[in-house]
Amino acid sequence: MSALEQAKAYAGNKDVSVSPGNVGGQALAAGLVDEVRVDLVLVVFGAGVRYFGDYTGIPLLLDNPELVQATE
């Protein structure tokens, strides 16, 4: 049983969150992601890391993105 299958079984009818990186990219590639939340900060540490890891699939269009501007 995969880690995502285990998480879904444990969560029952609740949501399962997946962190960005290779695990998030694998879930995205497998079509298991229903919602994406991205928090952007205007500071870069080091060389940076790809948000969805090694995901090389086709670009996906987000439906009805909600943009919230920070107050500070």
PDB file of N, CA and C in Angstrom:
ATOM      1  N   MET A   1       0.842  -1.165   0.000  1.00  0.00           N
ATOM      2  CA  MET A   1       0.000   0.000   0.000  1.00  0.00           C
ATOM      3  C   MET A   1       0.897   1.241   0.000  1.00  0.00           C
ATOM      4  N   SER A   2       0.615   2.207  -0.893  1.00  0.00           N
ATOM      5  CA  SER A   2       1.432   3.412  -0.972  1.00  0.00           C
ATOM      6  C   SER A   2       1.176   4.322   0.230  1.00  0.00           C
ATOM      7  N   ALA A   3       2.067   5.259   0.436  1.00  0.00           N
ATOM      8  CA  ALA A   3       1.917   6.203   1.546  1.00  0.00           C
ATOM      9  C   ALA A   3       0.636   7.017   1.401  1.00  0.00           C
ATOM     10  N   LEU A   4       0.286   7.394   0.164  1.00  0.00           N
ATOM     11  CA  LEU A   4      -0.936   8.158  -0.043  1.00  0.00           C
ATOM     12  C   LEU A   4      -2.177   7.317   0.234  1.00  0.00           C
ATOM     13  N   GLU A   5      -2.156   6.058  -0.143  1.00  0.00           N
ATOM     14  CA  GLU A   5      -3.282   5.166   0.145  1.00  0.00           C
ATOM     15  C   GLU A   5      -3.439   4.985   1.654  1.00  0.00           C
ATOM     16  N   GLN A   6      -2.323   4.865   2.358  1.00  0.00           N
ATOM     17  CA  GLN A   6      -2.372   4.734   3.812  1.00  0.00           C
ATOM     18  C   GLN A   6      -2.942   5.998   4.450  1.00  0.00           C
ATOM     19  N   ALA A   7      -2.517   7.157   3.958  1.00  0.00           N
ATOM     20  CA  ALA A   7      -3.005   8.423   4.501  1.00  0.00           C
ATOM     21  C   ALA A   7      -4.505   8.576   4.260  1.00  0.00           C
ATOM     22  N   LYS A   8      -4.976   8.224   3.056  1.00  0.00           N
ATOM     23  CA  LYS A   8      -6.406   8.306   2.756  1.00  0.00           C
ATOM     24  C   LYS A   8      -7.208   7.357   3.635  1.00  0.00           C
ATOM     25  N   ALA A   9      -6.701   6.153   3.872  1.00  0.00           N
ATOM     26  CA  ALA A   9      -7.392   5.176   4.716  1.00  0.00           C
ATOM     27  C   ALA A   9      -7.460   5.680   6.155  1.00  0.00           C
ATOM     28  N   TYR A  10      -6.373   6.266   6.633  1.00  0.00           N
ATOM     29  CA  TYR A  10      -6.322   6.777   8.002  1.00  0.00           C
ATOM     30  C   TYR A  10      -7.249   7.989   8.174  1.00  0.00           C
ATOM     31  N   ALA A  11      -7.322   8.855   7.148  1.00  0.00           N
ATOM     32  CA  ALA A  11      -8.114  10.086   7.229  1.00  0.00           C
ATOM     33  C   ALA A  11      -9.613   9.839   7.108  1.00  0.00           C
ATOM     34  N   GLY A  12      -9.987   8.708   6.543  1.00  0.00           N
ATOM     35  CA  GLY A  12     -11.420   8.458   6.345  1.00  0.00           C
ATOM     36  C   GLY A  12     -11.988   9.442   5.341  1.00  0.00           C
ATOM     37  N   ASN A  13     -12.995  10.223   5.743  1.00  0.00           N
ATOM     38  CA  ASN A  13     -13.589  11.185   4.807  1.00  0.00           C
ATOM     39  C   ASN A  13     -13.043  12.594   5.014  1.00  0.00           C
ATOM     40  N   LYS A  14     -11.918  12.730   5.714  1.00  0.00           N
ATOM     41  CA  LYS A  14     -11.268  14.032   5.888  1.00  0.00           C
ATOM     42  C   LYS A  14     -10.241  14.246   4.785  1.00  0.00           C
ATOM     43  N   ASP A  15      -9.729  15.478   4.695  1.00  0.00           N
ATOM     44  CA  ASP A  15      -8.735  15.818   3.678  1.00  0.00           C
ATOM     45  C   ASP A  15      -7.365  15.245   4.036  1.00  0.00           C
ATOM     46  N   VAL A  16      -6.570  14.987   3.007  1.00  0.00           N
ATOM     47  CA  VAL A  16      -5.178  14.575   3.175  1.00  0.00           C
ATOM     48  C   VAL A  16      -4.322  15.667   2.545  1.00  0.00           C
ATOM     49  N   SER A  17      -3.386  16.208   3.320  1.00  0.00           N
ATOM     50  CA  SER A  17      -2.482  17.242   2.813  1.00  0.00           C
ATOM     51  C   SER A  17      -1.163  16.609   2.391  1.00  0.00           C
ATOM     52  N   VAL A  18      -0.610  17.119   1.299  1.00  0.00           N
ATOM     53  CA  VAL A  18       0.672  16.636   0.796  1.00  0.00           C
ATOM     54  C   VAL A  18       1.590  17.840   0.671  1.00  0.00           C
ATOM     55  N   SER A  19       2.776  17.742   1.215  1.00  0.00           N
ATOM     56  CA  SER A  19       3.742  18.839   1.133  1.00  0.00           C
ATOM     57  C   SER A  19       4.326  18.914  -0.274  1.00  0.00           C
ATOM     58  N   PRO A  20       4.829  20.099  -0.648  1.00  0.00           N
ATOM     59  CA  PRO A  20       5.454  20.222  -1.957  1.00  0.00           C
ATOM     60  C   PRO A  20       6.755  19.422  -2.017  1.00  0.00           C
ATOM     61  N   GLY A  21       7.314  19.352  -3.175  1.00  0.00           N
ATOM     62  CA  GLY A  21       8.535  18.584  -3.389  1.00  0.00           C
ATOM     63  C   GLY A  21       8.206  17.345  -4.191  1.00  0.00           C
ATOM     64  N   ASN A  22       9.030  16.326  -4.086  1.00  0.00           N
ATOM     65  CA  ASN A  22       8.825  15.121  -4.895  1.00  0.00           C
ATOM     66  C   ASN A  22       7.520  14.399  -4.570  1.00  0.00           C
ATOM     67  N   VAL A  23       7.135  14.346  -3.285  1.00  0.00           N
ATOM     68  CA  VAL A  23       5.876  13.672  -2.932  1.00  0.00           C
ATOM     69  C   VAL A  23       4.693  14.427  -3.529  1.00  0.00           C
ATOM     70  N   GLY A  24       4.701  15.750  -3.400  1.00  0.00           N
ATOM     71  CA  GLY A  24       3.638  16.556  -3.990  1.00  0.00           C
ATOM     72  C   GLY A  24       3.596  16.425  -5.508  1.00  0.00           C
ATOM     73  N   GLY A  25       4.772  16.402  -6.126  1.00  0.00           N
ATOM     74  CA  GLY A  25       4.841  16.235  -7.581  1.00  0.00           C
ATOM     75  C   GLY A  25       4.332  14.875  -8.031  1.00  0.00           C
ATOM     76  N   GLN A  26       4.627  13.829  -7.267  1.00  0.00           N
ATOM     77  CA  GLN A  26       4.133  12.488  -7.599  1.00  0.00           C
ATOM     78  C   GLN A  26       2.617  12.430  -7.470  1.00  0.00           C
ATOM     79  N   ALA A  27       2.076  13.047  -6.417  1.00  0.00           N
ATOM     80  CA  ALA A  27       0.622  13.064  -6.241  1.00  0.00           C
ATOM     81  C   ALA A  27      -0.036  13.851  -7.362  1.00  0.00           C
ATOM     82  N   LEU A  28       0.567  14.964  -7.773  1.00  0.00           N
ATOM     83  CA  LEU A  28       0.046  15.766  -8.875  1.00  0.00           C
ATOM     84  C   LEU A  28       0.064  14.969 -10.174  1.00  0.00           C
ATOM     85  N   ALA A  29       1.170  14.297 -10.453  1.00  0.00           N
ATOM     86  CA  ALA A  29       1.302  13.495 -11.677  1.00  0.00           C
ATOM     87  C   ALA A  29       0.310  12.339 -11.703  1.00  0.00           C
ATOM     88  N   ALA A  30      -0.029  11.797 -10.527  1.00  0.00           N
ATOM     89  CA  ALA A  30      -0.967  10.672 -10.450  1.00  0.00           C
ATOM     90  C   ALA A  30      -2.423  11.123 -10.486  1.00  0.00           C
ATOM     91  N   GLY A  31      -2.646  12.429 -10.552  1.00  0.00           N
ATOM     92  CA  GLY A  31      -4.015  12.936 -10.606  1.00  0.00           C
ATOM     93  C   GLY A  31      -4.732  12.885  -9.265  1.00  0.00           C
ATOM     94  N   LEU A  32      -3.986  12.901  -8.166  1.00  0.00           N
ATOM     95  CA  LEU A  32      -4.579  12.781  -6.839  1.00  0.00           C
ATOM     96  C   LEU A  32      -4.768  14.118  -6.139  1.00  0.00           C
ATOM     97  N   VAL A  33      -4.399  15.219  -6.799  1.00  0.00           N
ATOM     98  CA  VAL A  33      -4.477  16.533  -6.169  1.00  0.00           C
ATOM     99  C   VAL A  33      -5.739  17.247  -6.638  1.00  0.00           C
ATOM    100  N   ASP A  34      -6.571  17.648  -5.662  1.00  0.00           N
ATOM    101  CA  ASP A  34      -7.798  18.381  -5.972  1.00  0.00           C
ATOM    102  C   ASP A  34      -7.644  19.877  -5.762  1.00  0.00           C
ATOM    103  N   GLU A  35      -6.734  20.262  -4.890  1.00  0.00           N
ATOM    104  CA  GLU A  35      -6.572  21.669  -4.538  1.00  0.00           C
ATOM    105  C   GLU A  35      -5.105  21.945  -4.248  1.00  0.00           C
ATOM    106  N   VAL A  36      -4.635  23.124  -4.670  1.00  0.00           N
ATOM    107  CA  VAL A  36      -3.251  23.515  -4.433  1.00  0.00           C
ATOM    108  C   VAL A  36      -3.249  24.845  -3.687  1.00  0.00           C
ATOM    109  N   ARG A  37      -2.508  24.904  -2.601  1.00  0.00           N
ATOM    110  CA  ARG A  37      -2.332  26.154  -1.865  1.00  0.00           C
ATOM    111  C   ARG A  37      -0.857  26.507  -1.938  1.00  0.00           C
ATOM    112  N   VAL A  38      -0.580  27.709  -2.443  1.00  0.00           N
ATOM    113  CA  VAL A  38       0.793  28.167  -2.595  1.00  0.00           C
ATOM    114  C   VAL A  38       0.946  29.472  -1.821  1.00  0.00           C
ATOM    115  N   ASP A  39       1.872  29.507  -0.891  1.00  0.00           N
ATOM    116  CA  ASP A  39       2.201  30.726  -0.158  1.00  0.00           C
ATOM    117  C   ASP A  39       3.525  31.243  -0.697  1.00  0.00           C
ATOM    118  N   LEU A  40       3.509  32.445  -1.253  1.00  0.00           N
ATOM    119  CA  LEU A  40       4.726  33.030  -1.815  1.00  0.00           C
ATOM    120  C   LEU A  40       5.291  34.064  -0.861  1.00  0.00           C
ATOM    121  N   VAL A  41       6.587  34.023  -0.684  1.00  0.00           N
ATOM    122  CA  VAL A  41       7.291  34.977   0.161  1.00  0.00           C
ATOM    123  C   VAL A  41       8.390  35.594  -0.688  1.00  0.00           C
ATOM    124  N   LEU A  42       8.570  36.886  -0.551  1.00  0.00           N
ATOM    125  CA  LEU A  42       9.525  37.594  -1.397  1.00  0.00           C
ATOM    126  C   LEU A  42      10.967  37.496  -0.904  1.00  0.00           C
ATOM    127  N   VAL A  43      11.330  36.367  -0.351  1.00  0.00           N
ATOM    128  CA  VAL A  43      12.688  36.127   0.109  1.00  0.00           C
ATOM    129  C   VAL A  43      13.134  34.778  -0.458  1.00  0.00           C
ATOM    130  N   VAL A  44      14.348  34.722  -0.987  1.00  0.00           N
ATOM    131  CA  VAL A  44      14.867  33.473  -1.540  1.00  0.00           C
ATOM    132  C   VAL A  44      16.043  33.020  -0.680  1.00  0.00           C
ATOM    133  N   PHE A  45      15.999  31.777  -0.244  1.00  0.00           N
ATOM    134  CA  PHE A  45      17.080  31.198   0.539  1.00  0.00           C
ATOM    135  C   PHE A  45      17.829  30.190  -0.327  1.00  0.00           C
ATOM    136  N   GLY A  46      19.111  30.336  -0.462  1.00  0.00           N
ATOM    137  CA  GLY A  46      19.905  29.387  -1.237  1.00  0.00           C
ATOM    138  C   GLY A  46      19.564  29.445  -2.711  1.00  0.00           C
ATOM    139  N   ALA A  47      19.713  28.309  -3.390  1.00  0.00           N
ATOM    140  CA  ALA A  47      19.480  28.233  -4.823  1.00  0.00           C
ATOM    141  C   ALA A  47      18.023  27.955  -5.162  1.00  0.00           C
ATOM    142  N   GLY A  48      17.205  27.668  -4.154  1.00  0.00           N
ATOM    143  CA  GLY A  48      15.804  27.376  -4.408  1.00  0.00           C
ATOM    144  C   GLY A  48      15.566  25.901  -4.690  1.00  0.00           C
ATOM    145  N   VAL A  49      14.344  25.489  -4.507  1.00  0.00           N
ATOM    146  CA  VAL A  49      13.933  24.107  -4.725  1.00  0.00           C
ATOM    147  C   VAL A  49      12.660  24.132  -5.567  1.00  0.00           C
ATOM    148  N   ARG A  50      12.573  23.252  -6.543  1.00  0.00           N
ATOM    149  CA  ARG A  50      11.369  23.186  -7.370  1.00  0.00           C
ATOM    150  C   ARG A  50      10.177  22.837  -6.491  1.00  0.00           C
ATOM    151  N   TYR A  51       9.090  23.584  -6.627  1.00  0.00           N
ATOM    152  CA  TYR A  51       7.939  23.430  -5.734  1.00  0.00           C
ATOM    153  C   TYR A  51       7.329  22.033  -5.823  1.00  0.00           C
ATOM    154  N   PHE A  52       7.228  21.467  -7.024  1.00  0.00           N
ATOM    155  CA  PHE A  52       6.660  20.126  -7.189  1.00  0.00           C
ATOM    156  C   PHE A  52       7.729  19.090  -7.527  1.00  0.00           C
ATOM    157  N   GLY A  53       8.947  19.289  -7.051  1.00  0.00           N
ATOM    158  CA  GLY A  53       9.999  18.308  -7.222  1.00  0.00           C
ATOM    159  C   GLY A  53      10.321  18.050  -8.677  1.00  0.00           C
ATOM    160  N   ASP A  54      10.372  16.785  -9.039  1.00  0.00           N
ATOM    161  CA  ASP A  54      10.751  16.388 -10.394  1.00  0.00           C
ATOM    162  C   ASP A  54       9.568  16.274 -11.351  1.00  0.00           C
ATOM    163  N   TYR A  55       8.418  16.846 -10.991  1.00  0.00           N
ATOM    164  CA  TYR A  55       7.236  16.784 -11.857  1.00  0.00           C
ATOM    165  C   TYR A  55       7.549  17.378 -13.215  1.00  0.00           C
ATOM    166  N   THR A  56       7.346  16.590 -14.266  1.00  0.00           N
ATOM    167  CA  THR A  56       7.622  17.058 -15.626  1.00  0.00           C
ATOM    168  C   THR A  56       6.399  16.916 -16.524  1.00  0.00           C
ATOM    169  N   GLY A  57       5.234  16.752 -15.912  1.00  0.00           N
ATOM    170  CA  GLY A  57       3.999  16.611 -16.683  1.00  0.00           C
ATOM    171  C   GLY A  57       3.616  17.910 -17.366  1.00  0.00           C
ATOM    172  N   ILE A  58       2.470  17.878 -18.002  1.00  0.00           N
ATOM    173  CA  ILE A  58       1.992  19.060 -18.715  1.00  0.00           C
ATOM    174  C   ILE A  58       1.603  20.150 -17.719  1.00  0.00           C
ATOM    175  N   PRO A  59       1.713  21.423 -18.111  1.00  0.00           N
ATOM    176  CA  PRO A  59       1.256  22.503 -17.234  1.00  0.00           C
ATOM    177  C   PRO A  59      -0.253  22.363 -16.992  1.00  0.00           C
ATOM    178  N   LEU A  60      -0.665  22.625 -15.772  1.00  0.00           N
ATOM    179  CA  LEU A  60      -2.072  22.509 -15.408  1.00  0.00           C
ATOM    180  C   LEU A  60      -2.660  23.888 -15.167  1.00  0.00           C
ATOM    181  N   LEU A  61      -3.877  24.110 -15.639  1.00  0.00           N
ATOM    182  CA  LEU A  61      -4.572  25.371 -15.438  1.00  0.00           C
ATOM    183  C   LEU A  61      -5.356  25.293 -14.138  1.00  0.00           C
ATOM    184  N   LEU A  62      -5.160  26.277 -13.258  1.00  0.00           N
ATOM    185  CA  LEU A  62      -5.884  26.313 -12.001  1.00  0.00           C
ATOM    186  C   LEU A  62      -7.267  26.916 -12.231  1.00  0.00           C
ATOM    187  N   ASP A  63      -8.293  26.260 -11.732  1.00  0.00           N
ATOM    188  CA  ASP A  63      -9.652  26.780 -11.843  1.00  0.00           C
ATOM    189  C   ASP A  63      -9.920  27.769 -10.721  1.00  0.00           C
ATOM    190  N   ASN A  64     -10.384  28.950 -11.071  1.00  0.00           N
ATOM    191  CA  ASN A  64     -10.792  29.972 -10.108  1.00  0.00           C
ATOM    192  C   ASN A  64      -9.773  30.200  -8.992  1.00  0.00           C
ATOM    193  N   PRO A  65      -8.557  30.606  -9.328  1.00  0.00           N
ATOM    194  CA  PRO A  65      -7.591  30.835  -8.254  1.00  0.00           C
ATOM    195  C   PRO A  65      -8.039  31.985  -7.354  1.00  0.00           C
ATOM    196  N   GLU A  66      -7.783  31.857  -6.077  1.00  0.00           N
ATOM    197  CA  GLU A  66      -8.105  32.908  -5.106  1.00  0.00           C
ATOM    198  C   GLU A  66      -6.809  33.560  -4.678  1.00  0.00           C
ATOM    199  N   LEU A  67      -6.679  34.856  -4.893  1.00  0.00           N
ATOM    200  CA  LEU A  67      -5.483  35.589  -4.532  1.00  0.00           C
ATOM    201  C   LEU A  67      -5.763  36.422  -3.288  1.00  0.00           C
ATOM    202  N   VAL A  68      -4.915  36.282  -2.295  1.00  0.00           N
ATOM    203  CA  VAL A  68      -5.056  37.053  -1.071  1.00  0.00           C
ATOM    204  C   VAL A  68      -3.775  37.830  -0.859  1.00  0.00           C
ATOM    205  N   GLN A  69      -3.872  39.164  -0.855  1.00  0.00           N
ATOM    206  CA  GLN A  69      -2.682  39.997  -0.684  1.00  0.00           C
ATOM    207  C   GLN A  69      -2.397  40.192   0.801  1.00  0.00           C
ATOM    208  N   ALA A  70      -1.134  40.072   1.144  1.00  0.00           N
ATOM    209  CA  ALA A  70      -0.724  40.266   2.528  1.00  0.00           C
ATOM    210  C   ALA A  70      -0.881  41.719   2.943  1.00  0.00           C
ATOM    211  N   THR A  71      -1.079  41.947   4.215  1.00  0.00           N
ATOM    212  CA  THR A  71      -1.213  43.314   4.714  1.00  0.00           C
ATOM    213  C   THR A  71       0.121  43.896   5.146  1.00  0.00           C
ATOM    214  N   GLU A  72       1.108  43.093   5.311  1.00  0.00           N
ATOM    215  CA  GLU A  72       2.399  43.557   5.795  1.00  0.00           C
ATOM    216  C   GLU A  72       3.501  43.001   4.948  1.00  0.00           C
TER     217      GLU A  72
END
